Amino acid sequence: MRLTEMANGAAGRVCALEGDPEFCQRLREMGFGESAVIERISGQGTLLCLVSHTRLALSEGAARQIVVELIRSAR
């Protein structure tokens, strides 16, 4: 599933990054690399995520390029 499809409060592991290679590299540098665990905190247009104890905001377009596997449902 895409990060945009994950419910607020759920956690997932990054499986793949899709899109422009330079943009995917930038996502990796921000902590959204393959196998990273992400918690989606809130948001609809702009998503607030917790990655490695850091809160980061992503646009919906950027979040759509992150493919995750669900590891914990929303609370």
N, C-alpha and C. Protein backbone atom coordinates (compact mmCIF):
# COMPACT_ATOMS: atom_id res chain seq x y z
N MET A 1 0.84 -1.18 0.00
CA MET A 1 0.00 0.00 0.00
C MET A 1 0.88 1.23 0.00
N ARG A 2 0.34 2.32 -0.43
CA ARG A 2 1.06 3.60 -0.42
C ARG A 2 0.93 4.24 0.95
N LEU A 3 1.89 5.07 1.31
CA LEU A 3 1.84 5.77 2.59
C LEU A 3 0.57 6.60 2.70
N THR A 4 0.08 7.12 1.59
CA THR A 4 -1.15 7.92 1.61
C THR A 4 -2.37 7.08 1.98
N GLU A 5 -2.31 5.77 1.79
CA GLU A 5 -3.43 4.88 2.09
C GLU A 5 -3.42 4.38 3.54
N MET A 6 -2.31 4.57 4.23
CA MET A 6 -2.19 4.11 5.61
C MET A 6 -2.97 5.06 6.52
N ALA A 7 -3.67 4.53 7.50
CA ALA A 7 -4.47 5.35 8.41
C ALA A 7 -3.58 6.10 9.40
N ASN A 8 -4.07 7.26 9.86
CA ASN A 8 -3.37 7.99 10.91
C ASN A 8 -3.27 7.09 12.15
N GLY A 9 -2.08 7.04 12.74
CA GLY A 9 -1.85 6.20 13.91
C GLY A 9 -1.30 4.83 13.58
N ALA A 10 -1.27 4.47 12.30
CA ALA A 10 -0.74 3.17 11.88
C ALA A 10 0.76 3.28 11.63
N ALA A 11 1.41 2.12 11.64
CA ALA A 11 2.85 2.07 11.37
C ALA A 11 3.10 1.10 10.23
N GLY A 12 4.12 1.40 9.45
CA GLY A 12 4.47 0.54 8.32
C GLY A 12 5.96 0.54 8.06
N ARG A 13 6.41 -0.45 7.33
CA ARG A 13 7.81 -0.56 6.94
C ARG A 13 7.91 -0.24 5.45
N VAL A 14 8.85 0.60 5.09
CA VAL A 14 9.04 0.99 3.69
C VAL A 14 9.52 -0.22 2.89
N CYS A 15 8.79 -0.53 1.83
CA CYS A 15 9.16 -1.64 0.94
C CYS A 15 9.89 -1.13 -0.29
N ALA A 16 9.43 0.01 -0.81
CA ALA A 16 10.01 0.53 -2.06
C ALA A 16 9.72 2.02 -2.17
N LEU A 17 10.57 2.69 -2.93
CA LEU A 17 10.37 4.08 -3.30
C LEU A 17 10.22 4.11 -4.81
N GLU A 18 9.23 4.85 -5.28
CA GLU A 18 8.97 4.90 -6.71
C GLU A 18 9.10 6.33 -7.21
N GLY A 19 9.45 6.47 -8.47
CA GLY A 19 9.55 7.80 -9.06
C GLY A 19 10.96 8.14 -9.46
N ASP A 20 11.21 9.43 -9.61
CA ASP A 20 12.50 9.96 -10.04
C ASP A 20 13.62 9.50 -9.10
N PRO A 21 14.70 8.93 -9.62
CA PRO A 21 15.79 8.43 -8.78
C PRO A 21 16.38 9.50 -7.84
N GLU A 22 16.48 10.72 -8.31
CA GLU A 22 17.04 11.78 -7.46
C GLU A 22 16.10 12.09 -6.30
N PHE A 23 14.80 12.10 -6.56
CA PHE A 23 13.85 12.35 -5.49
C PHE A 23 13.83 11.18 -4.51
N CYS A 24 13.92 9.95 -5.01
CA CYS A 24 13.97 8.78 -4.12
C CYS A 24 15.20 8.85 -3.23
N GLN A 25 16.31 9.31 -3.77
CA GLN A 25 17.53 9.45 -2.95
C GLN A 25 17.31 10.49 -1.86
N ARG A 26 16.63 11.56 -2.18
CA ARG A 26 16.32 12.60 -1.18
C ARG A 26 15.44 12.03 -0.08
N LEU A 27 14.45 11.21 -0.43
CA LEU A 27 13.62 10.55 0.58
C LEU A 27 14.47 9.67 1.49
N ARG A 28 15.42 8.93 0.90
CA ARG A 28 16.32 8.09 1.71
C ARG A 28 17.13 8.95 2.69
N GLU A 29 17.63 10.08 2.22
CA GLU A 29 18.42 10.97 3.07
C GLU A 29 17.59 11.53 4.23
N MET A 30 16.27 11.66 4.01
CA MET A 30 15.39 12.15 5.07
C MET A 30 15.02 11.05 6.06
N GLY A 31 15.34 9.80 5.75
CA GLY A 31 15.04 8.70 6.65
C GLY A 31 13.97 7.74 6.14
N PHE A 32 13.43 8.00 4.95
CA PHE A 32 12.37 7.17 4.39
C PHE A 32 12.92 6.06 3.50
N GLY A 33 14.09 5.54 3.82
CA GLY A 33 14.70 4.50 3.00
C GLY A 33 14.02 3.16 3.17
N GLU A 34 14.34 2.24 2.27
CA GLU A 34 13.79 0.90 2.32
C GLU A 34 14.08 0.27 3.68
N SER A 35 13.09 -0.37 4.25
CA SER A 35 13.08 -1.04 5.56
C SER A 35 12.93 -0.10 6.75
N ALA A 36 12.83 1.21 6.52
CA ALA A 36 12.58 2.14 7.63
C ALA A 36 11.15 1.95 8.14
N VAL A 37 10.98 2.11 9.45
CA VAL A 37 9.65 2.02 10.06
C VAL A 37 9.11 3.44 10.19
N ILE A 38 7.89 3.63 9.70
CA ILE A 38 7.23 4.94 9.68
C ILE A 38 5.92 4.85 10.42
N GLU A 39 5.63 5.83 11.26
CA GLU A 39 4.30 5.96 11.85
C GLU A 39 3.65 7.18 11.24
N ARG A 40 2.46 7.01 10.71
CA ARG A 40 1.72 8.15 10.17
C ARG A 40 0.97 8.79 11.34
N ILE A 41 1.30 10.02 11.65
CA ILE A 41 0.72 10.70 12.80
C ILE A 41 -0.59 11.38 12.44
N SER A 42 -0.58 12.18 11.39
CA SER A 42 -1.79 12.90 11.01
C SER A 42 -1.65 13.43 9.59
N GLY A 43 -2.74 14.02 9.13
CA GLY A 43 -2.69 14.73 7.86
C GLY A 43 -3.53 14.12 6.77
N GLN A 44 -3.89 14.99 5.83
CA GLN A 44 -4.62 14.58 4.63
C GLN A 44 -3.86 15.07 3.41
N GLY A 45 -3.70 16.38 3.24
CA GLY A 45 -2.92 16.92 2.13
C GLY A 45 -1.44 16.84 2.40
N THR A 46 -1.05 17.27 3.58
CA THR A 46 0.33 17.14 4.06
C THR A 46 0.32 16.13 5.19
N LEU A 47 1.18 15.12 5.09
CA LEU A 47 1.20 14.05 6.08
C LEU A 47 2.32 14.29 7.08
N LEU A 48 2.02 14.13 8.34
CA LEU A 48 3.02 14.22 9.40
C LEU A 48 3.36 12.79 9.80
N CYS A 49 4.65 12.46 9.72
CA CYS A 49 5.11 11.10 10.00
C CYS A 49 6.21 11.12 11.05
N LEU A 50 6.33 10.02 11.76
CA LEU A 50 7.41 9.83 12.72
C LEU A 50 8.37 8.81 12.13
N VAL A 51 9.62 9.24 11.93
CA VAL A 51 10.66 8.39 11.36
C VAL A 51 11.90 8.55 12.21
N SER A 52 12.38 7.46 12.80
CA SER A 52 13.60 7.50 13.63
C SER A 52 13.50 8.60 14.70
N HIS A 53 12.40 8.64 15.42
CA HIS A 53 12.17 9.59 16.51
C HIS A 53 12.14 11.05 16.04
N THR A 54 11.92 11.26 14.75
CA THR A 54 11.84 12.61 14.20
C THR A 54 10.53 12.77 13.45
N ARG A 55 9.84 13.88 13.69
CA ARG A 55 8.61 14.17 12.96
C ARG A 55 8.95 14.91 11.68
N LEU A 56 8.44 14.39 10.57
CA LEU A 56 8.67 14.98 9.27
C LEU A 56 7.36 15.12 8.53
N ALA A 57 7.21 16.21 7.79
CA ALA A 57 6.02 16.44 6.99
C ALA A 57 6.34 16.14 5.54
N LEU A 58 5.41 15.48 4.87
CA LEU A 58 5.54 15.15 3.45
C LEU A 58 4.31 15.62 2.70
N SER A 59 4.51 16.08 1.50
CA SER A 59 3.35 16.40 0.65
C SER A 59 2.67 15.08 0.26
N GLU A 60 1.43 15.19 -0.14
CA GLU A 60 0.70 14.00 -0.57
C GLU A 60 1.38 13.35 -1.77
N GLY A 61 1.90 14.17 -2.68
CA GLY A 61 2.59 13.63 -3.85
C GLY A 61 3.83 12.83 -3.48
N ALA A 62 4.59 13.33 -2.51
CA ALA A 62 5.79 12.61 -2.07
C ALA A 62 5.39 11.32 -1.36
N ALA A 63 4.38 11.40 -0.50
CA ALA A 63 3.95 10.22 0.26
C ALA A 63 3.40 9.14 -0.67
N ARG A 64 2.83 9.53 -1.79
CA ARG A 64 2.28 8.58 -2.75
C ARG A 64 3.38 7.74 -3.38
N GLN A 65 4.61 8.20 -3.35
CA GLN A 65 5.73 7.47 -3.96
C GLN A 65 6.39 6.48 -3.01
N ILE A 66 5.88 6.41 -1.76
CA ILE A 66 6.44 5.51 -0.76
C ILE A 66 5.50 4.32 -0.59
N VAL A 67 6.00 3.13 -0.88
CA VAL A 67 5.22 1.90 -0.74
C VAL A 67 5.60 1.26 0.60
N VAL A 68 4.58 0.96 1.41
CA VAL A 68 4.83 0.41 2.74
C VAL A 68 4.04 -0.88 2.95
N GLU A 69 4.51 -1.70 3.90
CA GLU A 69 3.72 -2.84 4.37
C GLU A 69 3.28 -2.49 5.78
N LEU A 70 2.04 -2.73 6.07
CA LEU A 70 1.46 -2.40 7.37
C LEU A 70 2.02 -3.33 8.43
N ILE A 71 2.55 -2.76 9.52
CA ILE A 71 3.05 -3.59 10.62
C ILE A 71 2.25 -3.38 11.91
N ARG A 72 1.48 -2.27 11.97
CA ARG A 72 0.59 -2.04 13.11
C ARG A 72 -0.57 -1.17 12.65
N SER A 73 -1.77 -1.63 12.93
CA SER A 73 -2.97 -0.86 12.58
C SER A 73 -3.08 0.37 13.45
N ALA A 74 -3.97 1.27 13.05
CA ALA A 74 -4.22 2.47 13.82
C ALA A 74 -4.79 2.09 15.18
N ARG A 75 -4.44 2.88 16.18
CA ARG A 75 -4.88 2.60 17.55
C ARG A 75 -6.33 2.91 17.73
